[in-house]
Amino acid sequence: MFDTLQNDLSIADLLRGDLQLSSPPTIYFELQKVIENPAKSLADAAFIIEKDSTLSLKLLKIVNSAFYGFPSKISSIDRAITLVGSQELQQLTLCTIVIEKFSELPGELISMAEFWARSLKCALIAQEIDSFLDKEFANSIFVCGMLHNIGQLVFFRRLPELSREISLIQQSSEYSSDNDEISLEERIIGFIRFIKGYGLKYY
């Protein structure tokens, strides 16, 4: 099983077709312009998001999740911006669009609900850690936390059989740590997944 190293597989092969993750979507830049313009209001930022009803519903679902713990339900984007902050909602928008590219992955490969929960938890914890570092990485830490494991989704999308093999081995009692998972990916696929900032990097 461990001798299935894919010597003919390149990183570029993983990112062909519809998996172009090298640049943020247009709506991200539209929000950025509004947020950085002192003449614009929170309502202007909300209007940009609300033009996409599916995105709006997804963002409201995330903001109303237990991870944020707001005492009452948030039913509008402008209210969400008031409570969460315009920059964080902009970053959530970016992460939502990127991760939704993988929404059609078969359920037996990975639970997207669990992936979302882990990613959001990581992003919020990263923010808390950054607050003790005088917010040195405030402009990027949330996105890095949300997308830190996006490489796993790329693997499941492009290499479902090999990814399933790795998951099955890792679930056994003999292979359970993160280091073992890295070793498995190197042995079975030929390289490991790693994300740095926005966009995919592989070592």
Protein backbone atom coordinates (compact mmCIF):
# COMPACT_ATOMS: atom_id res chain seq x y z
CA MET A 1 0.00 0.00 0.00
CA PHE A 2 2.85 2.37 0.78
CA ASP A 3 4.52 1.75 -2.60
CA THR A 4 1.95 3.77 -4.58
CA LEU A 5 4.11 6.88 -4.86
CA GLN A 6 2.89 9.03 -7.77
CA ASN A 7 6.20 9.96 -9.43
CA ASP A 8 4.44 11.34 -12.52
CA LEU A 9 2.14 13.64 -10.51
CA SER A 10 2.94 17.35 -10.37
CA ILE A 11 1.52 20.10 -8.20
CA ALA A 12 0.29 21.89 -11.32
CA ASP A 13 -1.89 18.86 -12.11
CA LEU A 14 -3.88 19.49 -8.93
CA LEU A 15 -4.74 23.06 -9.85
CA ARG A 16 -5.89 22.61 -13.41
CA GLY A 17 -9.41 23.37 -14.58
CA ASP A 18 -11.74 25.09 -12.14
CA LEU A 19 -9.38 25.09 -9.15
CA GLN A 20 -7.81 28.49 -9.75
CA LEU A 21 -7.08 29.64 -6.19
CA SER A 22 -4.22 32.02 -6.88
CA SER A 23 -6.23 35.25 -6.68
CA PRO A 24 -9.21 36.37 -4.56
CA PRO A 25 -12.66 36.69 -6.19
CA THR A 26 -13.98 40.02 -7.49
CA ILE A 27 -16.41 40.54 -4.63
CA TYR A 28 -13.47 40.55 -2.19
CA PHE A 29 -11.96 43.57 -3.92
CA GLU A 30 -15.35 45.29 -4.17
CA LEU A 31 -15.74 44.98 -0.41
CA GLN A 32 -12.20 46.16 0.15
CA LYS A 33 -12.83 49.35 -1.83
CA VAL A 34 -15.95 50.11 0.20
CA ILE A 35 -14.31 49.35 3.54
CA GLU A 36 -11.30 51.55 2.77
CA ASN A 37 -13.45 54.43 1.50
CA PRO A 38 -14.41 56.74 4.41
CA ALA A 39 -17.31 58.09 2.34
CA LYS A 40 -18.93 54.63 2.23
CA SER A 41 -21.10 53.15 4.97
CA LEU A 42 -21.68 49.66 6.37
CA ALA A 43 -24.87 49.60 4.31
CA ASP A 44 -22.77 49.91 1.16
CA ALA A 45 -20.69 46.91 2.18
CA ALA A 46 -23.82 44.94 3.03
CA PHE A 47 -25.33 45.78 -0.37
CA ILE A 48 -22.38 44.20 -2.19
CA ILE A 49 -22.76 40.95 -0.26
CA GLU A 50 -26.56 40.89 -0.47
CA LYS A 51 -26.39 40.90 -4.26
CA ASP A 52 -25.45 37.23 -3.88
CA SER A 53 -28.29 35.65 -1.91
CA THR A 54 -26.56 32.28 -1.56
CA LEU A 55 -23.44 33.90 -0.16
CA SER A 56 -25.51 36.04 2.19
CA LEU A 57 -27.29 33.01 3.63
CA LYS A 58 -24.01 31.16 4.10
CA LEU A 59 -22.42 34.10 5.90
CA LEU A 60 -25.42 34.55 8.18
CA LYS A 61 -25.31 30.84 9.03
CA ILE A 62 -21.64 31.13 9.97
CA VAL A 63 -22.12 34.28 12.06
CA ASN A 64 -25.07 32.65 13.86
CA SER A 65 -23.02 29.56 14.68
CA ALA A 66 -22.08 28.61 18.22
CA PHE A 67 -18.49 29.68 17.61
CA TYR A 68 -19.47 33.35 17.69
CA GLY A 69 -21.98 32.88 20.48
CA PHE A 70 -24.13 35.97 19.91
CA PRO A 71 -27.13 35.96 22.29
CA SER A 72 -29.73 36.63 19.59
CA LYS A 73 -30.14 35.62 15.97
CA ILE A 74 -28.56 37.87 13.35
CA SER A 75 -30.90 38.18 10.38
CA SER A 76 -29.23 40.81 8.18
CA ILE A 77 -25.80 41.35 6.67
CA ASP A 78 -25.52 44.93 7.91
CA ARG A 79 -26.21 43.72 11.46
CA ALA A 80 -23.57 41.02 11.00
CA ILE A 81 -21.05 43.64 9.89
CA THR A 82 -21.85 45.76 12.95
CA LEU A 83 -21.21 42.86 15.32
CA VAL A 84 -18.39 40.99 13.56
CA GLY A 85 -16.66 43.90 11.87
CA SER A 86 -16.39 44.83 8.22
CA GLN A 87 -12.90 43.44 7.73
CA GLU A 88 -13.69 40.08 9.28
CA LEU A 89 -16.86 39.74 7.23
CA GLN A 90 -14.83 40.55 4.13
CA GLN A 91 -12.43 37.78 5.07
CA LEU A 92 -15.32 35.42 5.76
CA THR A 93 -16.64 36.22 2.31
CA LEU A 94 -13.31 35.28 0.76
CA CYS A 95 -13.07 32.01 2.69
CA THR A 96 -16.69 31.10 1.95
CA ILE A 97 -16.24 31.50 -1.79
CA VAL A 98 -12.98 29.52 -1.81
CA ILE A 99 -14.26 26.63 0.30
CA GLU A 100 -17.57 26.45 -1.58
CA LYS A 101 -15.60 25.43 -4.65
CA PHE A 102 -15.43 22.03 -2.98
CA SER A 103 -19.07 21.78 -1.86
CA GLU A 104 -19.79 18.89 -4.24
CA LEU A 105 -17.25 16.54 -2.70
CA PRO A 106 -18.86 13.17 -1.90
CA GLY A 107 -19.92 12.89 1.74
CA GLU A 108 -18.07 9.63 2.21
CA LEU A 109 -14.79 11.42 1.49
CA ILE A 110 -15.15 14.33 3.88
CA SER A 111 -17.86 16.11 5.86
CA MET A 112 -17.92 19.71 4.68
CA ALA A 113 -19.86 20.70 7.80
CA GLU A 114 -17.04 19.35 9.96
CA PHE A 115 -14.44 20.98 7.72
CA TRP A 116 -16.21 24.35 8.08
CA ALA A 117 -16.43 23.95 11.86
CA ARG A 118 -12.73 23.08 12.21
CA SER A 119 -11.69 25.90 9.91
CA LEU A 120 -13.78 28.55 11.66
CA LYS A 121 -12.59 27.37 15.07
CA CYS A 122 -8.98 27.56 13.91
CA ALA A 123 -9.51 31.08 12.51
CA LEU A 124 -11.05 32.38 15.73
CA ILE A 125 -8.36 30.78 17.89
CA ALA A 126 -5.70 32.26 15.61
CA GLN A 127 -7.24 35.69 16.12
CA GLU A 128 -7.14 35.26 19.88
CA ILE A 129 -3.48 34.26 19.75
CA ASP A 130 -2.73 37.22 17.50
CA SER A 131 -4.38 39.56 20.01
CA PHE A 132 -1.59 38.65 22.45
CA LEU A 133 0.96 39.55 19.77
CA ASP A 134 -0.33 43.11 19.46
CA LYS A 135 -2.33 42.06 16.38
CA GLU A 136 0.83 41.77 14.34
CA PHE A 137 -0.98 39.69 11.72
CA ALA A 138 -4.44 41.19 12.03
CA ASN A 139 -4.88 41.68 8.29
CA SER A 140 -4.30 38.04 7.38
CA ILE A 141 -4.57 35.79 10.44
CA PHE A 142 -8.28 35.03 10.06
CA VAL A 143 -7.96 34.01 6.42
CA CYS A 144 -4.88 31.90 7.20
CA GLY A 145 -6.80 30.12 9.94
CA MET A 146 -9.83 29.48 7.76
CA LEU A 147 -7.84 28.26 4.76
CA HIS A 148 -4.97 26.53 6.56
CA ASN A 149 -6.18 23.11 5.47
CA ILE A 150 -7.56 23.90 2.01
CA GLY A 151 -4.94 21.57 0.54
CA GLN A 152 -6.87 18.64 1.99
CA LEU A 153 -9.91 19.59 -0.11
CA VAL A 154 -7.74 19.86 -3.21
CA PHE A 155 -6.45 16.35 -2.56
CA PHE A 156 -9.97 14.98 -2.10
CA ARG A 157 -11.15 16.75 -5.25
CA ARG A 158 -8.29 15.72 -7.53
CA LEU A 159 -7.06 12.51 -5.90
CA PRO A 160 -10.10 10.94 -4.25
CA GLU A 161 -8.86 7.34 -4.24
CA LEU A 162 -5.41 8.15 -2.87
CA SER A 163 -6.94 10.52 -0.30
CA ARG A 164 -9.38 7.83 0.79
CA GLU A 165 -6.47 5.43 1.18
CA ILE A 166 -4.63 7.92 3.41
CA SER A 167 -7.75 8.50 5.53
CA LEU A 168 -8.36 4.79 6.04
CA ILE A 169 -4.77 4.19 7.10
CA GLN A 170 -4.80 7.19 9.42
CA GLN A 171 -7.99 5.98 11.09
CA SER A 172 -6.23 2.84 12.20
CA SER A 173 -4.72 2.86 15.67
CA GLU A 174 -1.21 2.58 14.27
CA TYR A 175 -1.35 5.86 12.33
CA SER A 176 -3.07 8.67 14.17
CA SER A 177 -0.83 11.72 14.61
CA ASP A 178 -0.33 14.71 12.30
CA ASN A 179 3.23 13.59 11.63
CA ASP A 180 1.96 10.21 10.49
CA GLU A 181 -0.47 11.92 8.10
CA ILE A 182 2.36 13.98 6.59
CA SER A 183 4.43 10.83 6.19
CA LEU A 184 1.52 9.04 4.53
CA GLU A 185 0.96 11.85 2.06
CA GLU A 186 4.63 11.90 1.13
CA ARG A 187 4.71 8.14 0.65
CA ILE A 188 1.42 7.71 -1.20
CA ILE A 189 1.07 10.97 -3.15
CA GLY A 190 4.63 12.23 -3.31
CA PHE A 191 4.26 15.59 -1.56
CA ILE A 192 2.27 17.12 1.27
CA ARG A 193 -0.32 19.85 1.37
CA PHE A 194 0.55 23.19 2.91
CA ILE A 195 -1.06 26.61 2.72
CA LYS A 196 0.62 29.94 3.18
CA GLY A 197 -1.50 33.05 3.05
CA TYR A 198 -3.93 32.93 0.15
CA GLY A 199 -3.15 30.46 -2.59
CA LEU A 200 -1.65 27.00 -2.44
CA LYS A 201 1.94 26.21 -1.67
CA TYR A 202 3.32 22.69 -1.50
CA TYR A 203 6.57 21.55 0.03
